[in-house]
C-alpha atoms as a PDB file:
ATOM      1  CA  UNK A   1     143.963 -86.483 -40.487  1.00  0.00           C
ATOM      2  CA  UNK A   2     147.492 -85.049 -39.840  1.00  0.00           C
ATOM      3  CA  UNK A   3     148.403 -86.770 -35.987  1.00  0.00           C
ATOM      4  CA  UNK A   4     144.567 -87.543 -35.320  1.00  0.00           C
ATOM      5  CA  UNK A   5     145.324 -91.189 -35.721  1.00  0.00           C
ATOM      6  CA  UNK A   6     147.247 -91.335 -32.755  1.00  0.00           C
ATOM      7  CA  UNK A   7     144.782 -90.255 -30.948  1.00  0.00           C
ATOM      8  CA  UNK A   8     142.541 -92.284 -32.727  1.00  0.00           C
ATOM      9  CA  UNK A   9     145.651 -95.540 -31.848  1.00  0.00           C
ATOM     10  CA  UNK A  10     146.077 -93.864 -28.303  1.00  0.00           C
ATOM     11  CA  UNK A  11     141.956 -94.316 -27.395  1.00  0.00           C
ATOM     12  CA  UNK A  12     141.840 -98.329 -28.757  1.00  0.00           C
ATOM     13  CA  UNK A  13     144.169 -98.747 -26.609  1.00  0.00           C
ATOM     14  CA  UNK A  14     147.176 -99.807 -29.248  1.00  0.00           C
ATOM     15  CA  UNK A  15     151.167 -99.542 -27.500  1.00  0.00           C
ATOM     16  CA  UNK A  16     152.811 -96.454 -28.427  1.00  0.00           C
ATOM     17  CA  UNK A  17     155.638 -98.558 -29.518  1.00  0.00           C
ATOM     18  CA  UNK A  18     153.497 -99.671 -32.190  1.00  0.00           C
ATOM     19  CA  UNK A  19     152.773 -95.961 -33.042  1.00  0.00           C
ATOM     20  CA  UNK A  20     156.241 -95.699 -33.077  1.00  0.00           C
ATOM     21  CA  UNK A  21     157.321 -98.657 -35.868  1.00  0.00           C
ATOM     22  CA  UNK A  22     154.322 -97.020 -38.093  1.00  0.00           C
ATOM     23  CA  UNK A  23     154.994 -94.093 -38.430  1.00  0.00           C
ATOM     24  CA  UNK A  24     158.228 -94.927 -39.420  1.00  0.00           C
ATOM     25  CA  UNK A  25     156.911 -97.616 -41.558  1.00  0.00           C
ATOM     26  CA  UNK A  26     154.198 -95.218 -43.379  1.00  0.00           C
ATOM     27  CA  UNK A  27     156.900 -91.363 -43.732  1.00  0.00           C
ATOM     28  CA  UNK A  28     154.385 -89.733 -41.647  1.00  0.00           C
ATOM     29  CA  UNK A  29     151.370 -90.240 -43.973  1.00  0.00           C
ATOM     30  CA  UNK A  30     148.029 -89.936 -41.927  1.00  0.00           C
ATOM     31  CA  UNK A  31     146.157 -92.395 -43.973  1.00  0.00           C
ATOM     32  CA  UNK A  32     147.955 -94.839 -43.855  1.00  0.00           C
ATOM     33  CA  UNK A  33     149.183 -94.593 -40.397  1.00  0.00           C
ATOM     34  CA  UNK A  34     145.576 -94.772 -39.226  1.00  0.00           C
ATOM     35  CA  UNK A  35     144.804 -97.830 -41.384  1.00  0.00           C
ATOM     36  CA  UNK A  36     147.789 -99.491 -40.514  1.00  0.00           C
ATOM     37  CA  UNK A  37     146.851 -98.893 -36.733  1.00  0.00           C
ATOM     38  CA  UNK A  38     143.095-100.071 -37.542  1.00  0.00           C
ATOM     39  CA  UNK A  39     144.188-102.775 -38.545  1.00  0.00           C
ATOM     40  CA  UNK A  40     146.924-103.621 -35.699  1.00  0.00           C
ATOM     41  CA  UNK A  41     144.045-103.270 -32.863  1.00  0.00           C
ATOM     42  CA  UNK A  42     141.922-105.357 -35.082  1.00  0.00           C
ATOM     43  CA  UNK A  43     145.064-108.426 -35.355  1.00  0.00           C
ATOM     44  CA  UNK A  44     145.876-107.818 -31.285  1.00  0.00           C
ATOM     45  CA  UNK A  45     141.808-108.082 -29.821  1.00  0.00           C
ATOM     46  CA  UNK A  46     140.077-110.335 -31.869  1.00  0.00           C
ATOM     47  CA  UNK A  47     136.299-109.310 -31.650  1.00  0.00           C
ATOM     48  CA  UNK A  48     137.057-107.104 -28.716  1.00  0.00           C
ATOM     49  CA  UNK A  49     138.006-105.023 -31.301  1.00  0.00           C
ATOM     50  CA  UNK A  50     134.619-104.514 -32.247  1.00  0.00           C
ATOM     51  CA  UNK A  51     132.710-101.424 -34.606  1.00  0.00           C
ATOM     52  CA  UNK A  52     131.340-100.059 -31.824  1.00  0.00           C
ATOM     53  CA  UNK A  53     134.298-100.187 -29.675  1.00  0.00           C
ATOM     54  CA  UNK A  54     135.349 -97.852 -32.865  1.00  0.00           C
ATOM     55  CA  UNK A  55     132.702 -96.022 -32.600  1.00  0.00           C
ATOM     56  CA  UNK A  56     132.631 -94.945 -29.208  1.00  0.00           C
ATOM     57  CA  UNK A  57     136.157 -94.163 -29.784  1.00  0.00           C
ATOM     58  CA  UNK A  58     135.271 -91.351 -31.813  1.00  0.00           C
ATOM     59  CA  UNK A  59     132.421 -90.272 -30.017  1.00  0.00           C
ATOM     60  CA  UNK A  60     134.239 -89.535 -27.702  1.00  0.00           C
ATOM     61  CA  UNK A  61     136.597 -88.168 -29.443  1.00  0.00           C
ATOM     62  CA  UNK A  62     134.111 -85.250 -30.749  1.00  0.00           C
ATOM     63  CA  UNK A  63     134.158 -87.510 -33.826  1.00  0.00           C
ATOM     64  CA  UNK A  64     130.586 -88.738 -33.318  1.00  0.00           C
ATOM     65  CA  UNK A  65     129.760 -87.024 -37.326  1.00  0.00           C
ATOM     66  CA  UNK A  66     131.721 -90.315 -38.200  1.00  0.00           C
ATOM     67  CA  UNK A  67     128.872 -92.782 -37.421  1.00  0.00           C
ATOM     68  CA  UNK A  68     126.606 -91.457 -39.354  1.00  0.00           C
ATOM     69  CA  UNK A  69     129.810 -91.915 -42.326  1.00  0.00           C
ATOM     70  CA  UNK A  70     130.231 -96.412 -40.805  1.00  0.00           C
ATOM     71  CA  UNK A  71     126.763 -96.578 -40.439  1.00  0.00           C
ATOM     72  CA  UNK A  72     126.067 -95.633 -44.376  1.00  0.00           C
ATOM     73  CA  UNK A  73     128.730 -98.440 -45.430  1.00  0.00           C
ATOM     74  CA  UNK A  74     127.838-101.154 -43.558  1.00  0.00           C
ATOM     75  CA  UNK A  75     123.930-100.746 -44.748  1.00  0.00           C
ATOM     76  CA  UNK A  76     122.864 -99.868 -40.796  1.00  0.00           C
ATOM     77  CA  UNK A  77     120.991 -96.658 -42.331  1.00  0.00           C
ATOM     78  CA  UNK A  78     120.124 -95.413 -45.664  1.00  0.00           C
ATOM     79  CA  UNK A  79     121.812 -91.390 -46.915  1.00  0.00           C
ATOM     80  CA  UNK A  80     118.064 -90.007 -46.926  1.00  0.00           C
ATOM     81  CA  UNK A  81     117.725 -91.055 -42.922  1.00  0.00           C
ATOM     82  CA  UNK A  82     120.207 -89.262 -41.951  1.00  0.00           C
ATOM     83  CA  UNK A  83     120.340 -85.899 -41.012  1.00  0.00           C
ATOM     84  CA  UNK A  84     121.258 -83.171 -43.907  1.00  0.00           C
ATOM     85  CA  UNK A  85     124.327 -81.790 -41.854  1.00  0.00           C
ATOM     86  CA  UNK A  86     126.185 -85.237 -42.043  1.00  0.00           C
ATOM     87  CA  UNK A  87     125.298 -86.578 -45.903  1.00  0.00           C
ATOM     88  CA  UNK A  88     127.716 -86.379 -48.500  1.00  0.00           C
END
């Protein structure tokens, strides 16, 4: 995860000051930082914080492949209908 959470949070327009606080609170644990920044994004943006917006940001970052897993978790696609390259 490293600093990728910062890139995602930035694309989602989470303020730098908030990201710095999260990083300090979580002692740099990338996964927890990502989770907290997504939570903060949702809290700040309410109904505008959509899965669609998250997926758009992931695609813009070059991580569109993750969208298949999001759709699977939301029961929008079944594993058998996913491209072979993204099945786990």
